[in-house]
Amino acid sequence: MSTQTVLPEVPLPLTSTVVPKLTLTGTAISRPTVEPTSAPTRVEVIAKGNLFVRRGPDLAFNPISVLPKRQTAFPNGRDVLARWLRIPLPGDSSSFGWISIMSEFTEVIGEVNSLPEIEPTDWPELAFVRNCTHHQMMIEPAGILMPSIQYFPENDVRVNPGSYSVLDMDLDDYPEVLRIEIREGSAIDIIVDGNGEKKKCPTP
């Protein structure tokens, strides 16, 4: 019979791990001082020539006034594309109209985008001119070429409000056949060519 030697239990020495105290050091983070936002610069519009003031922010709206040359206006709003500014009507600060800043006769001082965006609540009534002759016509100074009646319906074109001259392009000297005043909702027919020949427009 074999014997097994039993070793006496020897207590293990107690050890402790000393965790060193960590001292956090560093530089305090400084935050930039935020200056209060200053009020937006006032926007000014100076007319370098007589400017039409229109009923709405588009050439398709009727002119309702004129901002005379060298006069200054202070707009209170802009359209979504920042191409038109709403101003008080000259001589009537309680009513408003729109001027284009795309014109070479418009000088703007200040940040246009700082103005509030104003959405139109009305839309222009479209105006049209119809060429009922057998000659090509040109509407000046808009540079709109109007085909003859043989090219219906291209002979019926939309025209923005304004004053125009109609020229017969099929004759050598381009004679003027008509002067027209276009307003919103206008429908004007050209029935006489440069030779004095009259044509009747077909009934729609």
N, C-alpha and C. Protein backbone atom coordinates (compact mmCIF):
# COMPACT_ATOMS: atom_id res chain seq x y z
N MET A 1 0.85 -1.18 0.00
CA MET A 1 0.00 0.00 0.00
C MET A 1 0.88 1.22 0.00
N SER A 2 0.59 2.10 -0.93
CA SER A 2 1.44 3.29 -1.06
C SER A 2 0.97 4.38 -0.12
N THR A 3 1.88 5.20 0.24
CA THR A 3 1.54 6.33 1.12
C THR A 3 1.72 7.62 0.36
N GLN A 4 0.91 8.61 0.72
CA GLN A 4 0.97 9.93 0.06
C GLN A 4 1.41 10.95 1.07
N THR A 5 2.39 11.69 0.64
CA THR A 5 2.93 12.71 1.54
C THR A 5 2.09 13.96 1.46
N VAL A 6 1.62 14.43 2.57
CA VAL A 6 0.82 15.66 2.62
C VAL A 6 1.69 16.78 3.10
N LEU A 7 1.82 17.77 2.27
CA LEU A 7 2.64 18.93 2.64
C LEU A 7 1.83 19.86 3.51
N PRO A 8 2.45 20.43 4.48
CA PRO A 8 1.72 21.36 5.35
C PRO A 8 1.37 22.64 4.60
N GLU A 9 0.23 23.19 4.94
CA GLU A 9 -0.18 24.45 4.31
C GLU A 9 0.67 25.59 4.82
N VAL A 10 1.21 26.34 3.88
CA VAL A 10 2.04 27.50 4.24
C VAL A 10 1.27 28.75 3.83
N PRO A 11 0.95 29.59 4.77
CA PRO A 11 0.18 30.80 4.41
C PRO A 11 0.98 31.70 3.46
N LEU A 12 0.30 32.15 2.41
CA LEU A 12 0.94 33.03 1.44
C LEU A 12 1.09 34.42 2.04
N PRO A 13 2.16 35.08 1.74
CA PRO A 13 2.32 36.45 2.29
C PRO A 13 1.31 37.39 1.67
N LEU A 14 0.76 38.22 2.47
CA LEU A 14 -0.19 39.22 2.00
C LEU A 14 0.57 40.37 1.34
N THR A 15 0.15 40.68 0.13
CA THR A 15 0.78 41.81 -0.58
C THR A 15 -0.31 42.81 -0.94
N SER A 16 0.05 44.01 -1.01
CA SER A 16 -0.90 45.05 -1.40
C SER A 16 -0.29 45.90 -2.49
N THR A 17 -1.14 46.29 -3.39
CA THR A 17 -0.69 47.15 -4.50
C THR A 17 -1.05 48.57 -4.17
N VAL A 18 -0.04 49.38 -4.17
CA VAL A 18 -0.26 50.80 -3.86
C VAL A 18 -0.53 51.53 -5.16
N VAL A 19 -1.71 52.11 -5.28
CA VAL A 19 -2.07 52.89 -6.46
C VAL A 19 -1.64 54.32 -6.24
N PRO A 20 -0.73 54.77 -7.08
CA PRO A 20 -0.26 56.15 -6.86
C PRO A 20 -1.39 57.14 -7.09
N LYS A 21 -1.39 58.19 -6.30
CA LYS A 21 -2.40 59.24 -6.45
C LYS A 21 -2.08 60.05 -7.70
N LEU A 22 -3.09 60.18 -8.52
CA LEU A 22 -2.91 60.93 -9.76
C LEU A 22 -3.29 62.37 -9.52
N THR A 23 -2.43 63.22 -9.97
CA THR A 23 -2.71 64.65 -9.87
C THR A 23 -2.97 65.20 -11.27
N LEU A 24 -4.17 65.69 -11.52
CA LEU A 24 -4.53 66.21 -12.82
C LEU A 24 -4.07 67.65 -12.93
N THR A 25 -3.33 67.87 -13.98
CA THR A 25 -2.89 69.23 -14.24
C THR A 25 -3.23 69.57 -15.67
N GLY A 26 -3.35 70.81 -16.00
CA GLY A 26 -3.65 71.21 -17.38
C GLY A 26 -3.97 72.68 -17.44
N THR A 27 -4.26 73.10 -18.64
CA THR A 27 -4.57 74.51 -18.87
C THR A 27 -6.07 74.67 -19.04
N ALA A 28 -6.62 75.61 -18.37
CA ALA A 28 -8.07 75.85 -18.49
C ALA A 28 -8.41 76.25 -19.92
N ILE A 29 -9.55 75.74 -20.41
CA ILE A 29 -10.00 76.07 -21.76
C ILE A 29 -10.71 77.41 -21.73
N SER A 30 -10.23 78.29 -22.53
CA SER A 30 -10.88 79.60 -22.58
C SER A 30 -11.81 79.64 -23.78
N ARG A 31 -13.01 80.06 -23.58
CA ARG A 31 -13.99 80.17 -24.65
C ARG A 31 -13.97 81.59 -25.20
N PRO A 32 -14.08 81.69 -26.55
CA PRO A 32 -14.07 83.04 -27.13
C PRO A 32 -15.28 83.85 -26.69
N THR A 33 -15.02 85.06 -26.46
CA THR A 33 -16.11 85.95 -26.09
C THR A 33 -16.99 86.22 -27.29
N VAL A 34 -18.28 85.99 -27.16
CA VAL A 34 -19.22 86.21 -28.25
C VAL A 34 -19.79 87.61 -28.14
N GLU A 35 -19.48 88.39 -29.14
CA GLU A 35 -20.00 89.75 -29.13
C GLU A 35 -21.47 89.74 -29.53
N PRO A 36 -22.27 90.57 -28.98
CA PRO A 36 -23.68 90.62 -29.39
C PRO A 36 -23.79 90.98 -30.86
N THR A 37 -24.74 90.31 -31.54
CA THR A 37 -24.94 90.56 -32.98
C THR A 37 -25.45 91.98 -33.19
N SER A 38 -24.77 92.68 -34.08
CA SER A 38 -25.20 94.05 -34.36
C SER A 38 -26.40 94.04 -35.30
N ALA A 39 -27.16 95.08 -35.26
CA ALA A 39 -28.34 95.19 -36.13
C ALA A 39 -27.90 95.22 -37.58
N PRO A 40 -28.68 94.61 -38.49
CA PRO A 40 -28.29 94.60 -39.90
C PRO A 40 -28.21 96.01 -40.47
N THR A 41 -27.27 96.18 -41.38
CA THR A 41 -27.10 97.47 -42.04
C THR A 41 -28.34 97.81 -42.84
N ARG A 42 -28.73 99.04 -42.79
CA ARG A 42 -29.91 99.47 -43.54
C ARG A 42 -29.60 99.41 -45.04
N VAL A 43 -30.51 98.87 -45.80
CA VAL A 43 -30.32 98.75 -47.24
C VAL A 43 -30.90 99.98 -47.92
N GLU A 44 -30.13 100.51 -48.86
CA GLU A 44 -30.58 101.68 -49.62
C GLU A 44 -30.56 101.34 -51.11
N VAL A 45 -31.48 101.92 -51.84
CA VAL A 45 -31.51 101.79 -53.30
C VAL A 45 -31.47 103.20 -53.89
N ILE A 46 -30.51 103.41 -54.80
CA ILE A 46 -30.38 104.70 -55.46
C ILE A 46 -30.67 104.51 -56.95
N ALA A 47 -31.57 105.32 -57.48
CA ALA A 47 -31.92 105.23 -58.90
C ALA A 47 -30.89 106.00 -59.72
N LYS A 48 -30.18 105.28 -60.60
CA LYS A 48 -29.21 105.93 -61.50
C LYS A 48 -29.90 106.39 -62.79
N GLY A 49 -31.16 106.04 -62.91
CA GLY A 49 -32.03 106.45 -64.02
C GLY A 49 -33.45 106.25 -63.53
N ASN A 50 -34.42 106.72 -64.27
CA ASN A 50 -35.81 106.52 -63.86
C ASN A 50 -36.13 105.03 -63.84
N LEU A 51 -36.61 104.52 -62.70
CA LEU A 51 -36.90 103.10 -62.54
C LEU A 51 -38.39 102.86 -62.38
N PHE A 52 -38.91 101.90 -63.14
CA PHE A 52 -40.30 101.50 -62.94
C PHE A 52 -40.45 100.82 -61.59
N VAL A 53 -41.51 101.18 -60.87
CA VAL A 53 -41.92 100.46 -59.66
C VAL A 53 -43.13 99.64 -60.06
N ARG A 54 -43.05 98.32 -59.91
CA ARG A 54 -44.10 97.44 -60.41
C ARG A 54 -44.98 96.90 -59.29
N ARG A 55 -46.13 96.41 -59.70
CA ARG A 55 -47.13 95.90 -58.75
C ARG A 55 -46.63 94.66 -58.02
N GLY A 56 -45.75 93.91 -58.62
CA GLY A 56 -45.20 92.69 -58.02
C GLY A 56 -43.77 92.47 -58.49
N PRO A 57 -43.11 91.43 -57.95
CA PRO A 57 -41.70 91.21 -58.26
C PRO A 57 -41.46 90.44 -59.56
N ASP A 58 -41.87 91.02 -60.67
CA ASP A 58 -41.67 90.40 -61.98
C ASP A 58 -42.00 91.42 -63.05
N LEU A 59 -41.36 91.29 -64.22
CA LEU A 59 -41.65 92.20 -65.32
C LEU A 59 -43.06 92.03 -65.86
N ALA A 60 -43.72 90.92 -65.52
CA ALA A 60 -45.08 90.68 -66.00
C ALA A 60 -46.12 91.51 -65.24
N PHE A 61 -45.71 92.16 -64.15
CA PHE A 61 -46.64 93.03 -63.41
C PHE A 61 -46.63 94.44 -63.99
N ASN A 62 -47.77 95.11 -63.90
CA ASN A 62 -47.88 96.49 -64.38
C ASN A 62 -46.97 97.44 -63.59
N PRO A 63 -46.37 98.43 -64.26
CA PRO A 63 -45.75 99.54 -63.52
C PRO A 63 -46.83 100.36 -62.83
N ILE A 64 -46.58 100.73 -61.58
CA ILE A 64 -47.55 101.54 -60.84
C ILE A 64 -46.97 102.87 -60.41
N SER A 65 -45.65 103.04 -60.58
CA SER A 65 -45.01 104.30 -60.23
C SER A 65 -43.61 104.31 -60.84
N VAL A 66 -42.90 105.38 -60.58
CA VAL A 66 -41.51 105.52 -61.05
C VAL A 66 -40.66 106.07 -59.91
N LEU A 67 -39.50 105.45 -59.70
CA LEU A 67 -38.51 106.01 -58.77
C LEU A 67 -37.59 106.90 -59.61
N PRO A 68 -37.70 108.23 -59.44
CA PRO A 68 -36.95 109.14 -60.31
C PRO A 68 -35.44 109.02 -60.13
N LYS A 69 -34.73 109.41 -61.17
CA LYS A 69 -33.28 109.39 -61.16
C LYS A 69 -32.73 110.18 -59.97
N ARG A 70 -31.71 109.61 -59.32
CA ARG A 70 -31.00 110.16 -58.16
C ARG A 70 -31.80 110.09 -56.86
N GLN A 71 -33.01 109.54 -56.89
CA GLN A 71 -33.79 109.42 -55.65
C GLN A 71 -33.42 108.13 -54.93
N THR A 72 -33.45 108.19 -53.60
CA THR A 72 -33.11 107.04 -52.76
C THR A 72 -34.36 106.45 -52.14
N ALA A 73 -34.40 105.11 -52.07
CA ALA A 73 -35.52 104.42 -51.40
C ALA A 73 -34.94 103.44 -50.40
N PHE A 74 -35.73 103.10 -49.38
CA PHE A 74 -35.30 102.17 -48.34
C PHE A 74 -36.24 100.96 -48.35
N PRO A 75 -35.81 99.86 -48.97
CA PRO A 75 -36.67 98.68 -49.08
C PRO A 75 -36.92 98.02 -47.73
N ASN A 76 -38.08 97.35 -47.64
CA ASN A 76 -38.41 96.63 -46.41
C ASN A 76 -38.57 95.13 -46.65
N GLY A 77 -38.20 94.65 -47.83
CA GLY A 77 -38.30 93.22 -48.12
C GLY A 77 -37.73 92.90 -49.49
N ARG A 78 -37.58 91.61 -49.76
CA ARG A 78 -37.04 91.13 -51.03
C ARG A 78 -37.81 89.90 -51.48
N ASP A 79 -37.63 89.54 -52.77
CA ASP A 79 -38.23 88.29 -53.25
C ASP A 79 -37.31 87.12 -52.93
N VAL A 80 -37.74 85.89 -53.21
CA VAL A 80 -37.00 84.70 -52.82
C VAL A 80 -35.63 84.63 -53.49
N LEU A 81 -35.47 85.18 -54.69
CA LEU A 81 -34.20 85.13 -55.41
C LEU A 81 -33.34 86.37 -55.15
N ALA A 82 -33.83 87.29 -54.33
CA ALA A 82 -33.12 88.53 -54.02
C ALA A 82 -32.78 89.32 -55.28
N ARG A 83 -33.74 89.33 -56.22
CA ARG A 83 -33.57 90.12 -57.45
C ARG A 83 -34.51 91.32 -57.49
N TRP A 84 -35.50 91.30 -56.61
CA TRP A 84 -36.47 92.39 -56.54
C TRP A 84 -36.58 92.86 -55.09
N LEU A 85 -36.75 94.18 -54.91
CA LEU A 85 -36.89 94.76 -53.58
C LEU A 85 -38.21 95.51 -53.49
N ARG A 86 -38.86 95.38 -52.34
CA ARG A 86 -40.12 96.11 -52.12
C ARG A 86 -39.82 97.44 -51.44
N ILE A 87 -40.32 98.52 -52.03
CA ILE A 87 -40.06 99.86 -51.51
C ILE A 87 -41.37 100.62 -51.35
N PRO A 88 -41.38 101.64 -50.49
CA PRO A 88 -42.56 102.53 -50.44
C PRO A 88 -42.69 103.27 -51.75
N LEU A 89 -43.91 103.48 -52.20
CA LEU A 89 -44.10 104.23 -53.44
C LEU A 89 -43.67 105.68 -53.24
N PRO A 90 -42.96 106.24 -54.23
CA PRO A 90 -42.58 107.65 -54.11
C PRO A 90 -43.80 108.53 -53.88
N GLY A 91 -43.76 109.31 -52.81
CA GLY A 91 -44.88 110.21 -52.48
C GLY A 91 -46.01 109.56 -51.74
N ASP A 92 -45.90 108.23 -51.43
CA ASP A 92 -46.97 107.53 -50.72
C ASP A 92 -46.35 106.41 -49.89
N SER A 93 -45.91 106.75 -48.69
CA SER A 93 -45.18 105.79 -47.85
C SER A 93 -46.07 104.67 -47.31
N SER A 94 -47.39 104.78 -47.49
CA SER A 94 -48.28 103.73 -46.99
C SER A 94 -48.53 102.63 -48.01
N SER A 95 -48.08 102.84 -49.27
CA SER A 95 -48.25 101.84 -50.32
C SER A 95 -46.88 101.40 -50.81
N PHE A 96 -46.84 100.18 -51.39
CA PHE A 96 -45.54 99.62 -51.74
C PHE A 96 -45.56 99.04 -53.16
N GLY A 97 -44.38 98.99 -53.76
CA GLY A 97 -44.19 98.38 -55.06
C GLY A 97 -42.81 97.74 -55.12
N TRP A 98 -42.47 97.20 -56.28
CA TRP A 98 -41.24 96.42 -56.43
C TRP A 98 -40.36 97.00 -57.52
N ILE A 99 -39.05 97.02 -57.26
CA ILE A 99 -38.08 97.42 -58.28
C ILE A 99 -37.06 96.30 -58.46
N SER A 100 -36.58 96.17 -59.69
CA SER A 100 -35.57 95.16 -59.99
C SER A 100 -34.19 95.70 -59.67
N ILE A 101 -33.35 94.87 -59.04
CA ILE A 101 -31.97 95.29 -58.80
C ILE A 101 -31.05 94.73 -59.89
N MET A 102 -31.64 94.06 -60.90
CA MET A 102 -30.85 93.55 -62.01
C MET A 102 -30.62 94.63 -63.07
N SER A 103 -31.30 95.75 -62.94
CA SER A 103 -31.16 96.83 -63.91
C SER A 103 -29.84 97.56 -63.71
N GLU A 104 -29.25 98.02 -64.80
CA GLU A 104 -28.01 98.80 -64.72
C GLU A 104 -28.26 100.16 -64.08
N PHE A 105 -29.52 100.55 -63.95
CA PHE A 105 -29.85 101.84 -63.37
C PHE A 105 -30.18 101.76 -61.88
N THR A 106 -29.92 100.59 -61.28
CA THR A 106 -30.20 100.39 -59.86
C THR A 106 -28.88 100.23 -59.10
N GLU A 107 -28.66 101.08 -58.10
CA GLU A 107 -27.49 100.96 -57.22
C GLU A 107 -27.97 100.58 -55.83
N VAL A 108 -27.42 99.50 -55.27
CA VAL A 108 -27.84 99.01 -53.96
C VAL A 108 -26.69 99.17 -52.97
N ILE A 109 -26.99 99.74 -51.82
CA ILE A 109 -26.02 99.86 -50.73
C ILE A 109 -26.54 99.04 -49.56
N GLY A 110 -25.72 98.09 -49.07
CA GLY A 110 -26.14 97.23 -47.97
C GLY A 110 -26.32 95.80 -48.43
N GLU A 111 -26.61 94.91 -47.49
CA GLU A 111 -26.75 93.48 -47.75
C GLU A 111 -28.20 93.13 -48.04
N VAL A 112 -28.49 92.82 -49.30
CA VAL A 112 -29.87 92.53 -49.71
C VAL A 112 -30.43 91.34 -48.95
N ASN A 113 -29.61 90.30 -48.72
CA ASN A 113 -30.12 89.09 -48.06
C ASN A 113 -30.46 89.31 -46.59
N SER A 114 -30.12 90.47 -46.04
CA SER A 114 -30.51 90.76 -44.65
C SER A 114 -31.98 91.18 -44.57
N LEU A 115 -32.58 91.50 -45.71
CA LEU A 115 -33.99 91.90 -45.72
C LEU A 115 -34.89 90.67 -45.61
N PRO A 116 -36.05 90.79 -45.01
CA PRO A 116 -36.97 89.65 -44.92
C PRO A 116 -37.51 89.26 -46.29
N GLU A 117 -37.67 87.96 -46.49
CA GLU A 117 -38.21 87.44 -47.74
C GLU A 117 -39.73 87.57 -47.74
N ILE A 118 -40.27 88.13 -48.80
CA ILE A 118 -41.71 88.34 -48.91
C ILE A 118 -42.24 87.52 -50.07
N GLU A 119 -43.20 86.64 -49.80
CA GLU A 119 -43.80 85.85 -50.85
C GLU A 119 -44.99 86.61 -51.44
N PRO A 120 -45.11 86.62 -52.76
CA PRO A 120 -46.24 87.34 -53.38
C PRO A 120 -47.55 86.64 -53.06
N THR A 121 -48.58 87.44 -52.87
CA THR A 121 -49.92 86.89 -52.62
C THR A 121 -50.80 87.00 -53.85
N ASP A 122 -50.24 87.56 -54.92
CA ASP A 122 -50.99 87.77 -56.15
C ASP A 122 -50.09 87.41 -57.32
N TRP A 123 -50.69 87.09 -58.45
CA TRP A 123 -49.93 86.73 -59.64
C TRP A 123 -50.33 87.65 -60.78
N PRO A 124 -49.40 87.90 -61.73
CA PRO A 124 -49.74 88.81 -62.82
C PRO A 124 -50.74 88.20 -63.78
N GLU A 125 -51.54 89.07 -64.39
CA GLU A 125 -52.42 88.65 -65.47
C GLU A 125 -51.61 88.72 -66.77
N LEU A 126 -51.44 87.60 -67.45
CA LEU A 126 -50.58 87.56 -68.62
C LEU A 126 -51.19 88.36 -69.77
N ALA A 127 -50.31 88.96 -70.58
CA ALA A 127 -50.73 89.75 -71.75
C ALA A 127 -50.15 89.11 -73.00
N PHE A 128 -50.90 89.20 -74.12
CA PHE A 128 -50.49 88.55 -75.35
C PHE A 128 -50.69 89.47 -76.55
N VAL A 129 -49.82 89.26 -77.56
CA VAL A 129 -49.97 89.93 -78.85
C VAL A 129 -50.03 88.84 -79.92
N ARG A 130 -50.98 88.99 -80.86
CA ARG A 130 -51.17 87.99 -81.91
C ARG A 130 -50.94 88.62 -83.28
N ASN A 131 -50.13 87.97 -84.09
CA ASN A 131 -49.85 88.45 -85.44
C ASN A 131 -50.78 87.73 -86.43
N CYS A 132 -51.72 88.47 -86.98
CA CYS A 132 -52.68 87.87 -87.91
C CYS A 132 -52.33 88.13 -89.37
N THR A 133 -51.16 88.75 -89.63
CA THR A 133 -50.75 89.02 -91.00
C THR A 133 -49.92 87.85 -91.54
N HIS A 134 -49.56 87.96 -92.83
CA HIS A 134 -48.71 86.94 -93.45
C HIS A 134 -47.24 87.35 -93.46
N HIS A 135 -46.92 88.42 -92.68
CA HIS A 135 -45.53 88.87 -92.57
C HIS A 135 -44.99 88.61 -91.16
N GLN A 136 -43.66 88.41 -91.06
CA GLN A 136 -43.03 88.35 -89.75
C GLN A 136 -43.00 89.75 -89.14
N MET A 137 -43.25 89.83 -87.85
CA MET A 137 -43.21 91.11 -87.14
C MET A 137 -42.20 91.05 -86.01
N MET A 138 -41.67 92.21 -85.67
CA MET A 138 -40.74 92.34 -84.54
C MET A 138 -41.30 93.35 -83.55
N ILE A 139 -41.33 92.96 -82.27
CA ILE A 139 -41.77 93.87 -81.22
C ILE A 139 -40.53 94.47 -80.57
N GLU A 140 -40.37 95.77 -80.71
CA GLU A 140 -39.22 96.48 -80.15
C GLU A 140 -39.67 97.44 -79.05
N PRO A 141 -38.84 97.69 -78.02
CA PRO A 141 -37.44 97.28 -77.89
C PRO A 141 -37.24 95.91 -77.26
N ALA A 142 -38.29 95.11 -77.14
CA ALA A 142 -38.16 93.80 -76.49
C ALA A 142 -37.41 92.79 -77.35
N GLY A 143 -37.35 93.03 -78.69
CA GLY A 143 -36.67 92.09 -79.57
C GLY A 143 -37.42 90.77 -79.72
N ILE A 144 -38.76 90.82 -79.69
CA ILE A 144 -39.58 89.61 -79.81
C ILE A 144 -39.98 89.43 -81.27
N LEU A 145 -39.53 88.33 -81.88
CA LEU A 145 -39.88 88.03 -83.27
C LEU A 145 -41.18 87.25 -83.30
N MET A 146 -42.14 87.74 -84.09
CA MET A 146 -43.46 87.12 -84.16
C MET A 146 -43.66 86.47 -85.53
N PRO A 147 -43.80 85.15 -85.58
CA PRO A 147 -44.08 84.49 -86.87
C PRO A 147 -45.42 84.94 -87.44
N SER A 148 -45.60 84.70 -88.72
CA SER A 148 -46.87 85.05 -89.37
C SER A 148 -47.96 84.07 -88.94
N ILE A 149 -49.18 84.34 -89.38
CA ILE A 149 -50.31 83.52 -88.99
C ILE A 149 -50.20 82.08 -89.51
N GLN A 150 -49.37 81.87 -90.54
CA GLN A 150 -49.20 80.50 -91.05
C GLN A 150 -48.56 79.57 -90.02
N TYR A 151 -47.91 80.16 -89.01
CA TYR A 151 -47.22 79.35 -88.02
C TYR A 151 -48.01 79.27 -86.70
N PHE A 152 -49.32 79.40 -86.79
CA PHE A 152 -50.17 79.25 -85.62
C PHE A 152 -49.82 77.94 -84.88
N PRO A 153 -49.73 77.91 -83.55
CA PRO A 153 -50.05 78.98 -82.59
C PRO A 153 -48.84 79.83 -82.18
N GLU A 154 -47.67 79.64 -82.84
CA GLU A 154 -46.49 80.42 -82.48
C GLU A 154 -46.65 81.91 -82.76
N ASN A 155 -47.67 82.29 -83.52
CA ASN A 155 -47.88 83.70 -83.83
C ASN A 155 -48.53 84.47 -82.68
N ASP A 156 -48.87 83.78 -81.60
CA ASP A 156 -49.49 84.38 -80.42
C ASP A 156 -48.46 84.32 -79.29
N VAL A 157 -47.88 85.48 -78.93
CA VAL A 157 -46.77 85.48 -77.98
C VAL A 157 -47.11 86.29 -76.73
N ARG A 158 -46.51 85.89 -75.63
CA ARG A 158 -46.69 86.62 -74.37
C ARG A 158 -45.75 87.82 -74.36
N VAL A 159 -46.25 88.96 -73.89
CA VAL A 159 -45.47 90.20 -73.84
C VAL A 159 -45.67 90.84 -72.46
N ASN A 160 -44.57 91.32 -71.87
CA ASN A 160 -44.66 92.00 -70.58
C ASN A 160 -45.23 93.40 -70.74
N PRO A 161 -45.86 93.94 -69.70
CA PRO A 161 -46.40 95.30 -69.79
C PRO A 161 -45.34 96.32 -70.17
N GLY A 162 -45.74 97.28 -71.00
CA GLY A 162 -44.82 98.32 -71.45
C GLY A 162 -45.27 98.93 -72.76
N SER A 163 -44.48 99.86 -73.30
CA SER A 163 -44.76 100.52 -74.57
C SER A 163 -43.86 99.93 -75.65
N TYR A 164 -44.45 99.57 -76.80
CA TYR A 164 -43.69 98.89 -77.85
C TYR A 164 -44.03 99.43 -79.23
N SER A 165 -43.13 99.14 -80.16
CA SER A 165 -43.33 99.43 -81.57
C SER A 165 -43.26 98.11 -82.33
N VAL A 166 -44.19 97.92 -83.29
CA VAL A 166 -44.24 96.69 -84.08
C VAL A 166 -43.71 97.00 -85.48
N LEU A 167 -42.68 96.26 -85.89
CA LEU A 167 -42.05 96.47 -87.20
C LEU A 167 -42.30 95.28 -88.11
N ASP A 168 -42.48 95.57 -89.41
CA ASP A 168 -42.66 94.51 -90.42
C ASP A 168 -41.28 94.06 -90.89
N MET A 169 -40.89 92.83 -90.57
CA MET A 169 -39.55 92.33 -90.88
C MET A 169 -39.44 91.78 -92.30
N ASP A 170 -40.55 91.67 -93.02
CA ASP A 170 -40.49 91.13 -94.38
C ASP A 170 -40.26 92.20 -95.44
N LEU A 171 -40.23 93.45 -95.03
CA LEU A 171 -39.96 94.54 -95.96
C LEU A 171 -38.58 95.14 -95.67
N ASP A 172 -37.93 95.65 -96.70
CA ASP A 172 -36.53 96.06 -96.59
C ASP A 172 -36.28 97.12 -95.53
N ASP A 173 -37.15 98.09 -95.40
CA ASP A 173 -36.89 99.19 -94.47
C ASP A 173 -37.54 98.97 -93.09
N TYR A 174 -38.10 97.77 -92.87
CA TYR A 174 -38.72 97.42 -91.58
C TYR A 174 -39.67 98.51 -91.09
N PRO A 175 -40.70 98.81 -91.85
CA PRO A 175 -41.61 99.91 -91.45
C PRO A 175 -42.37 99.58 -90.16
N GLU A 176 -42.64 100.63 -89.42
CA GLU A 176 -43.46 100.47 -88.22
C GLU A 176 -44.92 100.38 -88.63
N VAL A 177 -45.60 99.33 -88.14
CA VAL A 177 -47.00 99.15 -88.49
C VAL A 177 -47.94 99.46 -87.33
N LEU A 178 -47.38 99.51 -86.12
CA LEU A 178 -48.27 99.70 -84.96
C LEU A 178 -47.45 100.10 -83.74
N ARG A 179 -48.04 100.97 -82.91
CA ARG A 179 -47.51 101.26 -81.57
C ARG A 179 -48.52 100.71 -80.57
N ILE A 180 -48.01 99.99 -79.60
CA ILE A 180 -48.93 99.34 -78.65
C ILE A 180 -48.52 99.63 -77.21
N GLU A 181 -49.50 99.71 -76.35
CA GLU A 181 -49.30 99.87 -74.91
C GLU A 181 -49.86 98.61 -74.25
N ILE A 182 -48.96 97.82 -73.69
CA ILE A 182 -49.35 96.55 -73.08
C ILE A 182 -49.58 96.73 -71.59
N ARG A 183 -50.70 96.25 -71.11
CA ARG A 183 -51.00 96.20 -69.68
C ARG A 183 -51.33 94.75 -69.32
N GLU A 184 -51.34 94.46 -68.04
CA GLU A 184 -51.71 93.11 -67.61
C GLU A 184 -53.08 92.74 -68.18
N GLY A 185 -53.19 91.54 -68.70
CA GLY A 185 -54.45 91.07 -69.24
C GLY A 185 -54.75 91.53 -70.66
N SER A 186 -53.83 92.29 -71.29
CA SER A 186 -54.06 92.77 -72.65
C SER A 186 -54.06 91.63 -73.66
N ALA A 187 -54.82 91.80 -74.74
CA ALA A 187 -54.80 90.89 -75.89
C ALA A 187 -54.92 91.75 -77.14
N ILE A 188 -53.81 91.95 -77.83
CA ILE A 188 -53.75 92.86 -78.97
C ILE A 188 -53.46 92.07 -80.24
N ASP A 189 -54.19 92.39 -81.31
CA ASP A 189 -53.99 91.74 -82.61
C ASP A 189 -53.31 92.69 -83.59
N ILE A 190 -52.36 92.16 -84.34
CA ILE A 190 -51.75 92.90 -85.44
C ILE A 190 -52.45 92.44 -86.71
N ILE A 191 -53.14 93.37 -87.37
CA ILE A 191 -53.96 92.98 -88.53
C ILE A 191 -53.54 93.69 -89.82
N VAL A 192 -52.54 94.58 -89.73
CA VAL A 192 -52.08 95.33 -90.91
C VAL A 192 -50.58 95.12 -91.07
N ASP A 193 -50.11 94.78 -92.28
CA ASP A 193 -48.68 94.63 -92.52
C ASP A 193 -48.10 95.95 -93.05
N GLY A 194 -46.79 95.92 -93.37
CA GLY A 194 -46.12 97.13 -93.81
C GLY A 194 -46.59 97.63 -95.17
N ASN A 195 -47.28 96.81 -95.92
CA ASN A 195 -47.83 97.24 -97.21
C ASN A 195 -49.24 97.81 -97.08
N GLY A 196 -49.76 97.82 -95.86
CA GLY A 196 -51.11 98.33 -95.63
C GLY A 196 -52.18 97.27 -95.86
N GLU A 197 -51.78 96.03 -96.09
CA GLU A 197 -52.76 94.97 -96.33
C GLU A 197 -53.33 94.48 -95.01
N LYS A 198 -54.65 94.43 -94.94
CA LYS A 198 -55.33 94.03 -93.71
C LYS A 198 -55.71 92.56 -93.73
N LYS A 199 -55.62 91.95 -92.57
CA LYS A 199 -56.04 90.56 -92.41
C LYS A 199 -56.95 90.46 -91.18
N LYS A 200 -57.92 89.61 -91.26
CA LYS A 200 -58.81 89.40 -90.14
C LYS A 200 -58.32 88.24 -89.29
N CYS A 201 -58.31 88.44 -87.99
CA CYS A 201 -57.86 87.36 -87.10
C CYS A 201 -58.97 86.32 -86.98
N PRO A 202 -58.61 85.05 -87.01
CA PRO A 202 -59.64 84.00 -86.85
C PRO A 202 -60.22 84.04 -85.44
N THR A 203 -61.47 83.69 -85.35
CA THR A 203 -62.13 83.62 -84.04
C THR A 203 -61.67 82.36 -83.32
N PRO A 204 -61.25 82.49 -82.06
CA PRO A 204 -60.79 81.30 -81.30
C PRO A 204 -61.87 80.24 -81.21
